[in-house]
Amino acid sequence: MVDVLMQLADDPSLEVKLQREHIKALIQTISVEWAMSELLKNPGAIQKATEELDRVIERDRGVEEKDIVNLPYIEAIVKRNDASHPMAPLLVP
């Protein structure tokens, strides 16, 4: 899939130019969708993640990259998602 998208990005005949950033965003979106679908199946995990975010992050700001070290449960969710739904099959031509 990624190979085809990269070929389309290099195709000058297309009316709409597909950028490499668009491909990266698509892959990241797919990963987030998988994580959200897994979380929706596990309300207990959502509750724990919400509690961790409430404890570590102030309500008036968003999560920043520097906060990740203080969010081990959220980090575990991301790692579990990456292990359960690897993007590798999308990379194989």
C-alpha atoms as a PDB file:
ATOM      1  CA  MET A   1       0.000   0.000   0.000  1.00  0.00           C
ATOM      2  CA  VAL A   2       2.732   2.442   0.937  1.00  0.00           C
ATOM      3  CA  ASP A   3       4.660   1.524  -2.204  1.00  0.00           C
ATOM      4  CA  VAL A   4       1.632   2.338  -4.379  1.00  0.00           C
ATOM      5  CA  LEU A   5       1.071   5.611  -2.545  1.00  0.00           C
ATOM      6  CA  MET A   6       4.732   6.535  -3.011  1.00  0.00           C
ATOM      7  CA  GLN A   7       4.440   5.807  -6.735  1.00  0.00           C
ATOM      8  CA  LEU A   8       1.370   8.029  -6.897  1.00  0.00           C
ATOM      9  CA  ALA A   9       3.268  10.767  -5.077  1.00  0.00           C
ATOM     10  CA  ASP A  10       5.924  10.636  -7.806  1.00  0.00           C
ATOM     11  CA  ASP A  11       3.379  10.621 -10.678  1.00  0.00           C
ATOM     12  CA  PRO A  12       3.466  14.045 -12.384  1.00  0.00           C
ATOM     13  CA  SER A  13       0.312  13.331 -14.389  1.00  0.00           C
ATOM     14  CA  LEU A  14      -1.977  13.414 -11.352  1.00  0.00           C
ATOM     15  CA  GLU A  15      -4.204  16.446 -11.027  1.00  0.00           C
ATOM     16  CA  VAL A  16      -3.822  16.509  -7.244  1.00  0.00           C
ATOM     17  CA  LYS A  17      -0.274  16.099  -5.964  1.00  0.00           C
ATOM     18  CA  LEU A  18       0.110  13.540  -3.189  1.00  0.00           C
ATOM     19  CA  GLN A  19       2.855  14.585  -0.773  1.00  0.00           C
ATOM     20  CA  ARG A  20       4.978  12.257   1.340  1.00  0.00           C
ATOM     21  CA  GLU A  21       3.623  14.064   4.408  1.00  0.00           C
ATOM     22  CA  HIS A  22       0.127  12.983   3.356  1.00  0.00           C
ATOM     23  CA  ILE A  23       1.243   9.355   3.215  1.00  0.00           C
ATOM     24  CA  LYS A  24       2.802   9.606   6.668  1.00  0.00           C
ATOM     25  CA  ALA A  25      -0.381  11.203   8.023  1.00  0.00           C
ATOM     26  CA  LEU A  26      -2.477   8.406   6.493  1.00  0.00           C
ATOM     27  CA  ILE A  27      -0.369   5.692   8.136  1.00  0.00           C
ATOM     28  CA  GLN A  28      -0.479   7.506  11.490  1.00  0.00           C
ATOM     29  CA  THR A  29      -4.248   7.896  11.192  1.00  0.00           C
ATOM     30  CA  ILE A  30      -4.663   4.182  10.539  1.00  0.00           C
ATOM     31  CA  SER A  31      -2.571   3.421  13.633  1.00  0.00           C
ATOM     32  CA  VAL A  32      -4.651   5.779  15.799  1.00  0.00           C
ATOM     33  CA  GLU A  33      -7.884   4.252  14.478  1.00  0.00           C
ATOM     34  CA  TRP A  34      -6.686   0.769  15.435  1.00  0.00           C
ATOM     35  CA  ALA A  35      -5.741   1.988  18.908  1.00  0.00           C
ATOM     36  CA  MET A  36      -9.119   3.662  19.385  1.00  0.00           C
ATOM     37  CA  SER A  37     -10.987   0.559  18.230  1.00  0.00           C
ATOM     38  CA  GLU A  38      -9.025  -1.582  20.693  1.00  0.00           C
ATOM     39  CA  LEU A  39      -9.662   0.878  23.512  1.00  0.00           C
ATOM     40  CA  LEU A  40     -13.399   0.952  22.789  1.00  0.00           C
ATOM     41  CA  LYS A  41     -13.433  -2.807  23.398  1.00  0.00           C
ATOM     42  CA  ASN A  42     -11.830  -2.261  26.825  1.00  0.00           C
ATOM     43  CA  PRO A  43     -13.579   0.395  28.955  1.00  0.00           C
ATOM     44  CA  GLY A  44     -11.265  -0.382  31.885  1.00  0.00           C
ATOM     45  CA  ALA A  45      -8.247   0.662  29.829  1.00  0.00           C
ATOM     46  CA  ILE A  46      -9.992   3.883  28.816  1.00  0.00           C
ATOM     47  CA  GLN A  47     -10.706   4.614  32.481  1.00  0.00           C
ATOM     48  CA  LYS A  48      -7.075   4.009  33.519  1.00  0.00           C
ATOM     49  CA  ALA A  49      -5.758   6.109  30.630  1.00  0.00           C
ATOM     50  CA  THR A  50      -8.155   8.936  31.497  1.00  0.00           C
ATOM     51  CA  GLU A  51      -7.114   8.836  35.149  1.00  0.00           C
ATOM     52  CA  GLU A  52      -3.436   8.938  34.179  1.00  0.00           C
ATOM     53  CA  LEU A  53      -4.021  11.913  31.871  1.00  0.00           C
ATOM     54  CA  ASP A  54      -6.009  13.751  34.562  1.00  0.00           C
ATOM     55  CA  ARG A  55      -3.251  13.109  37.101  1.00  0.00           C
ATOM     56  CA  VAL A  56      -0.341  14.178  34.869  1.00  0.00           C
ATOM     57  CA  ILE A  57      -1.765  16.745  32.437  1.00  0.00           C
ATOM     58  CA  GLU A  58      -3.483  19.936  33.439  1.00  0.00           C
ATOM     59  CA  ARG A  59      -6.975  20.368  31.962  1.00  0.00           C
ATOM     60  CA  ASP A  60      -6.186  23.676  30.240  1.00  0.00           C
ATOM     61  CA  ARG A  61      -3.425  22.312  27.991  1.00  0.00           C
ATOM     62  CA  GLY A  62      -2.840  19.457  25.600  1.00  0.00           C
ATOM     63  CA  VAL A  63      -0.408  16.581  25.853  1.00  0.00           C
ATOM     64  CA  GLU A  64       3.096  17.445  24.710  1.00  0.00           C
ATOM     65  CA  GLU A  65       5.957  15.183  23.716  1.00  0.00           C
ATOM     66  CA  LYS A  66       7.784  15.947  26.965  1.00  0.00           C
ATOM     67  CA  ASP A  67       4.827  14.484  28.909  1.00  0.00           C
ATOM     68  CA  ILE A  68       5.294  10.986  27.488  1.00  0.00           C
ATOM     69  CA  VAL A  69       7.861  10.001  30.133  1.00  0.00           C
ATOM     70  CA  ASN A  70       5.186  10.688  32.775  1.00  0.00           C
ATOM     71  CA  LEU A  71       2.493   8.653  30.985  1.00  0.00           C
ATOM     72  CA  PRO A  72       3.618   5.013  31.223  1.00  0.00           C
ATOM     73  CA  TYR A  73       0.118   3.559  30.821  1.00  0.00           C
ATOM     74  CA  ILE A  74      -0.559   5.583  27.655  1.00  0.00           C
ATOM     75  CA  GLU A  75       2.884   4.595  26.356  1.00  0.00           C
ATOM     76  CA  ALA A  76       2.057   0.935  27.024  1.00  0.00           C
ATOM     77  CA  ILE A  77      -1.192   1.314  25.079  1.00  0.00           C
ATOM     78  CA  VAL A  78       0.718   2.721  22.106  1.00  0.00           C
ATOM     79  CA  LYS A  79       3.330  -0.046  22.235  1.00  0.00           C
ATOM     80  CA  ARG A  80       0.634  -2.709  22.535  1.00  0.00           C
ATOM     81  CA  ASN A  81      -1.159  -1.261  19.537  1.00  0.00           C
ATOM     82  CA  ASP A  82       2.050  -1.221  17.497  1.00  0.00           C
ATOM     83  CA  ALA A  83       2.709  -4.855  18.413  1.00  0.00           C
ATOM     84  CA  SER A  84      -0.880  -5.978  17.774  1.00  0.00           C
ATOM     85  CA  HIS A  85      -1.331  -4.074  14.515  1.00  0.00           C
ATOM     86  CA  PRO A  86       2.091  -3.594  12.917  1.00  0.00           C
ATOM     87  CA  MET A  87       2.380  -1.417   9.854  1.00  0.00           C
ATOM     88  CA  ALA A  88       4.897  -3.854   8.301  1.00  0.00           C
ATOM     89  CA  PRO A  89       2.282  -5.562   6.070  1.00  0.00           C
ATOM     90  CA  LEU A  90       1.613  -2.173   4.486  1.00  0.00           C
ATOM     91  CA  LEU A  91       5.299  -1.760   3.689  1.00  0.00           C
ATOM     92  CA  VAL A  92       5.779  -5.030   1.815  1.00  0.00           C
ATOM     93  CA  PRO A  93       5.521  -4.500  -1.968  1.00  0.00           C
END
